[in-house]
Protein backbone atom coordinates (compact mmCIF):
# COMPACT_ATOMS: atom_id res chain seq x y z
CA UNK A 1 0.00 0.00 0.00
CA UNK A 2 1.18 3.50 -0.74
CA UNK A 3 2.71 5.52 2.04
CA UNK A 4 0.79 8.52 3.34
CA UNK A 5 3.60 10.97 2.53
CA UNK A 6 3.28 9.99 -1.15
CA UNK A 7 -0.42 10.82 -1.05
CA UNK A 8 0.19 14.15 0.66
CA UNK A 9 2.12 15.49 -2.33
CA UNK A 10 -1.13 15.49 -4.33
CA UNK A 11 -3.01 17.82 -1.98
CA UNK A 12 -2.75 20.86 -4.25
CA UNK A 13 -2.74 19.07 -7.62
CA UNK A 14 -5.04 20.09 -10.45
CA UNK A 15 -5.87 18.17 -13.63
CA UNK A 16 -2.82 19.49 -15.49
CA UNK A 17 -0.59 18.41 -12.58
CA UNK A 18 -1.99 14.89 -12.62
CA UNK A 19 -1.44 14.70 -16.39
CA UNK A 20 2.26 15.37 -15.95
CA UNK A 21 2.67 12.95 -13.02
CA UNK A 22 4.39 9.68 -13.94
CA UNK A 23 2.64 7.59 -11.30
CA UNK A 24 -0.75 8.93 -12.39
CA UNK A 25 0.05 8.08 -16.02
CA UNK A 26 1.02 4.55 -14.99
CA UNK A 27 -2.30 4.11 -13.20
CA UNK A 28 -4.35 5.47 -16.10
CA UNK A 29 -2.59 3.17 -18.55
CA UNK A 30 -2.74 0.16 -16.16
CA UNK A 31 -6.18 0.43 -14.53
CA UNK A 32 -6.22 -3.23 -13.49
CA UNK A 33 -3.12 -2.83 -11.30
CA UNK A 34 -4.49 -3.35 -7.79
CA UNK A 35 -1.69 -1.45 -6.04
CA UNK A 36 -2.19 1.63 -8.23
CA UNK A 37 -5.96 1.50 -7.79
CA UNK A 38 -5.63 1.16 -4.02
CA UNK A 39 -3.36 4.20 -3.92
CA UNK A 40 -5.67 6.41 -5.99
CA UNK A 41 -8.78 5.22 -4.12
CA UNK A 42 -7.07 6.13 -0.84
CA UNK A 43 -6.09 9.52 -2.26
CA UNK A 44 -9.71 10.28 -3.18
CA UNK A 45 -10.78 9.13 0.29
CA UNK A 46 -8.34 11.63 1.86
CA UNK A 47 -8.95 14.39 -0.70
CA UNK A 48 -12.49 13.92 -2.04
CA UNK A 49 -12.27 17.29 -3.81
CA UNK A 50 -9.58 15.79 -6.11
CA UNK A 51 -12.07 13.37 -7.66
CA UNK A 52 -13.18 15.86 -10.31
CA UNK A 53 -9.59 16.90 -11.13
CA UNK A 54 -8.60 13.23 -11.45
CA UNK A 55 -11.55 12.47 -13.72
CA UNK A 56 -10.75 15.46 -15.95
CA UNK A 57 -7.12 14.37 -16.22
CA UNK A 58 -8.10 10.76 -16.94
CA UNK A 59 -10.56 11.86 -19.64
CA UNK A 60 -7.95 14.03 -21.33
CA UNK A 61 -5.34 11.27 -21.25
CA UNK A 62 -7.69 8.51 -22.37
CA UNK A 63 -9.01 10.60 -25.24
CA UNK A 64 -5.44 11.27 -26.36
CA UNK A 65 -4.50 7.59 -26.09
CA UNK A 66 -7.53 6.60 -28.14
CA UNK A 67 -6.53 8.98 -30.92
CA UNK A 68 -9.34 11.44 -30.34
CA UNK A 69 -6.96 14.01 -28.89
CA UNK A 70 -7.43 17.67 -28.27
CA UNK A 71 -7.96 20.23 -30.96
CA UNK A 72 -4.99 22.59 -31.42
CA UNK A 73 -6.51 25.35 -29.26
CA UNK A 74 -7.29 22.93 -26.42
CA UNK A 75 -3.80 21.46 -26.65
CA UNK A 76 -2.20 24.92 -26.57
CA UNK A 77 -4.29 25.87 -23.52
CA UNK A 78 -3.37 22.64 -21.72
CA UNK A 79 0.35 23.19 -22.37
CA UNK A 80 0.01 26.78 -21.14
CA UNK A 81 -1.53 25.53 -17.89
CA UNK A 82 1.10 22.82 -17.48
CA UNK A 83 3.96 25.27 -18.07
CA UNK A 84 2.39 27.81 -15.72
CA UNK A 85 2.06 25.20 -12.97
CA UNK A 86 5.67 24.10 -13.45
CA UNK A 87 6.90 27.68 -13.10
CA UNK A 88 4.82 28.32 -9.96
C-alpha atoms as a PDB file:
ATOM      1  CA  UNK A   1       0.000   0.000   0.000  1.00  0.00           C
ATOM      2  CA  UNK A   2       1.179   3.500  -0.742  1.00  0.00           C
ATOM      3  CA  UNK A   3       2.708   5.518   2.038  1.00  0.00           C
ATOM      4  CA  UNK A   4       0.789   8.517   3.335  1.00  0.00           C
ATOM      5  CA  UNK A   5       3.596  10.967   2.529  1.00  0.00           C
ATOM      6  CA  UNK A   6       3.279   9.989  -1.147  1.00  0.00           C
ATOM      7  CA  UNK A   7      -0.419  10.821  -1.052  1.00  0.00           C
ATOM      8  CA  UNK A   8       0.186  14.150   0.664  1.00  0.00           C
ATOM      9  CA  UNK A   9       2.117  15.491  -2.329  1.00  0.00           C
ATOM     10  CA  UNK A  10      -1.130  15.492  -4.328  1.00  0.00           C
ATOM     11  CA  UNK A  11      -3.015  17.819  -1.978  1.00  0.00           C
ATOM     12  CA  UNK A  12      -2.751  20.856  -4.250  1.00  0.00           C
ATOM     13  CA  UNK A  13      -2.738  19.072  -7.616  1.00  0.00           C
ATOM     14  CA  UNK A  14      -5.041  20.093 -10.446  1.00  0.00           C
ATOM     15  CA  UNK A  15      -5.870  18.171 -13.632  1.00  0.00           C
ATOM     16  CA  UNK A  16      -2.822  19.490 -15.486  1.00  0.00           C
ATOM     17  CA  UNK A  17      -0.590  18.412 -12.578  1.00  0.00           C
ATOM     18  CA  UNK A  18      -1.992  14.895 -12.624  1.00  0.00           C
ATOM     19  CA  UNK A  19      -1.444  14.700 -16.389  1.00  0.00           C
ATOM     20  CA  UNK A  20       2.257  15.375 -15.946  1.00  0.00           C
ATOM     21  CA  UNK A  21       2.668  12.952 -13.016  1.00  0.00           C
ATOM     22  CA  UNK A  22       4.393   9.675 -13.945  1.00  0.00           C
ATOM     23  CA  UNK A  23       2.641   7.587 -11.297  1.00  0.00           C
ATOM     24  CA  UNK A  24      -0.747   8.933 -12.387  1.00  0.00           C
ATOM     25  CA  UNK A  25       0.048   8.079 -16.019  1.00  0.00           C
ATOM     26  CA  UNK A  26       1.023   4.549 -14.993  1.00  0.00           C
ATOM     27  CA  UNK A  27      -2.296   4.107 -13.204  1.00  0.00           C
ATOM     28  CA  UNK A  28      -4.354   5.468 -16.104  1.00  0.00           C
ATOM     29  CA  UNK A  29      -2.587   3.165 -18.551  1.00  0.00           C
ATOM     30  CA  UNK A  30      -2.741   0.164 -16.158  1.00  0.00           C
ATOM     31  CA  UNK A  31      -6.182   0.430 -14.526  1.00  0.00           C
ATOM     32  CA  UNK A  32      -6.225  -3.229 -13.486  1.00  0.00           C
ATOM     33  CA  UNK A  33      -3.124  -2.827 -11.295  1.00  0.00           C
ATOM     34  CA  UNK A  34      -4.493  -3.351  -7.790  1.00  0.00           C
ATOM     35  CA  UNK A  35      -1.690  -1.451  -6.040  1.00  0.00           C
ATOM     36  CA  UNK A  36      -2.189   1.629  -8.225  1.00  0.00           C
ATOM     37  CA  UNK A  37      -5.960   1.498  -7.793  1.00  0.00           C
ATOM     38  CA  UNK A  38      -5.633   1.161  -4.019  1.00  0.00           C
ATOM     39  CA  UNK A  39      -3.358   4.201  -3.918  1.00  0.00           C
ATOM     40  CA  UNK A  40      -5.672   6.409  -5.989  1.00  0.00           C
ATOM     41  CA  UNK A  41      -8.780   5.222  -4.120  1.00  0.00           C
ATOM     42  CA  UNK A  42      -7.066   6.134  -0.837  1.00  0.00           C
ATOM     43  CA  UNK A  43      -6.091   9.522  -2.260  1.00  0.00           C
ATOM     44  CA  UNK A  44      -9.711  10.282  -3.181  1.00  0.00           C
ATOM     45  CA  UNK A  45     -10.779   9.132   0.285  1.00  0.00           C
ATOM     46  CA  UNK A  46      -8.341  11.627   1.861  1.00  0.00           C
ATOM     47  CA  UNK A  47      -8.953  14.394  -0.699  1.00  0.00           C
ATOM     48  CA  UNK A  48     -12.487  13.921  -2.044  1.00  0.00           C
ATOM     49  CA  UNK A  49     -12.271  17.287  -3.814  1.00  0.00           C
ATOM     50  CA  UNK A  50      -9.582  15.788  -6.110  1.00  0.00           C
ATOM     51  CA  UNK A  51     -12.068  13.370  -7.659  1.00  0.00           C
ATOM     52  CA  UNK A  52     -13.177  15.863 -10.305  1.00  0.00           C
ATOM     53  CA  UNK A  53      -9.594  16.895 -11.135  1.00  0.00           C
ATOM     54  CA  UNK A  54      -8.597  13.233 -11.447  1.00  0.00           C
ATOM     55  CA  UNK A  55     -11.546  12.470 -13.719  1.00  0.00           C
ATOM     56  CA  UNK A  56     -10.747  15.458 -15.950  1.00  0.00           C
ATOM     57  CA  UNK A  57      -7.117  14.372 -16.222  1.00  0.00           C
ATOM     58  CA  UNK A  58      -8.105  10.761 -16.944  1.00  0.00           C
ATOM     59  CA  UNK A  59     -10.564  11.863 -19.636  1.00  0.00           C
ATOM     60  CA  UNK A  60      -7.947  14.031 -21.329  1.00  0.00           C
ATOM     61  CA  UNK A  61      -5.336  11.270 -21.254  1.00  0.00           C
ATOM     62  CA  UNK A  62      -7.688   8.510 -22.365  1.00  0.00           C
ATOM     63  CA  UNK A  63      -9.008  10.603 -25.244  1.00  0.00           C
ATOM     64  CA  UNK A  64      -5.445  11.267 -26.364  1.00  0.00           C
ATOM     65  CA  UNK A  65      -4.502   7.591 -26.090  1.00  0.00           C
ATOM     66  CA  UNK A  66      -7.533   6.603 -28.139  1.00  0.00           C
ATOM     67  CA  UNK A  67      -6.533   8.981 -30.915  1.00  0.00           C
ATOM     68  CA  UNK A  68      -9.338  11.440 -30.338  1.00  0.00           C
ATOM     69  CA  UNK A  69      -6.960  14.015 -28.894  1.00  0.00           C
ATOM     70  CA  UNK A  70      -7.431  17.672 -28.273  1.00  0.00           C
ATOM     71  CA  UNK A  71      -7.960  20.226 -30.959  1.00  0.00           C
ATOM     72  CA  UNK A  72      -4.990  22.592 -31.420  1.00  0.00           C
ATOM     73  CA  UNK A  73      -6.511  25.348 -29.265  1.00  0.00           C
ATOM     74  CA  UNK A  74      -7.288  22.928 -26.423  1.00  0.00           C
ATOM     75  CA  UNK A  75      -3.800  21.458 -26.646  1.00  0.00           C
ATOM     76  CA  UNK A  76      -2.201  24.918 -26.569  1.00  0.00           C
ATOM     77  CA  UNK A  77      -4.286  25.865 -23.519  1.00  0.00           C
ATOM     78  CA  UNK A  78      -3.367  22.638 -21.722  1.00  0.00           C
ATOM     79  CA  UNK A  79       0.347  23.190 -22.369  1.00  0.00           C
ATOM     80  CA  UNK A  80       0.013  26.776 -21.145  1.00  0.00           C
ATOM     81  CA  UNK A  81      -1.527  25.532 -17.891  1.00  0.00           C
ATOM     82  CA  UNK A  82       1.098  22.823 -17.480  1.00  0.00           C
ATOM     83  CA  UNK A  83       3.958  25.271 -18.066  1.00  0.00           C
ATOM     84  CA  UNK A  84       2.388  27.809 -15.717  1.00  0.00           C
ATOM     85  CA  UNK A  85       2.056  25.198 -12.970  1.00  0.00           C
ATOM     86  CA  UNK A  86       5.671  24.104 -13.450  1.00  0.00           C
ATOM     87  CA  UNK A  87       6.902  27.685 -13.095  1.00  0.00           C
ATOM     88  CA  UNK A  88       4.822  28.321  -9.956  1.00  0.00           C
END
